[in-house]
Amino acid sequence: MTRRLRSDDVFPMVAYQGEDLKPVNQLLHDLCLDLPDYDYQAENGVARFTLTDQDMIVKRDWVSEFRLSVFDVTAYEYEEDSKDTPTPVTFNKVTFHDRINELVIHCAEGVRLKFRVGALHVEVEHIA
């Protein structure tokens, strides 16, 4: 369940361990993610996504935007269950598999963005 933005929320929200992803998931759940409109810089090992709160879940009367950044990316893979995936897709959750250093962004429409990382480093910024 997405939670409302509070005045004591601190940005950027940073995750270096799997359990640090819980507040990230709570904040971004059900927000919209335009694919394939994202910034992946292979040479820098950084992937950035803009998530939009089109339904004004996080902050009433305001369409908030957040930037989700994944750092130390060494490989990237896009998977979808259907070739007719609508855009934007709905962010569901992000998980981290520490045995294989894989971060996965799961979307409600059967889309998965998989990142091999040297170490877990995720940041969320409130940009609008």
Foldseek 3Di string as FASTA:
>chain_A
DAEADDPPDDPFQKDQDQVSFVNVQNHQFFWWWFPPPWDQDQVQQKTKTKTWRPVCRHHPPDTWIKIKMWHQFNDKDKDAPDPPQDPGFGWRGWGADVVQQWIWTATPRRIIIITRGPGTIMTMGTDD
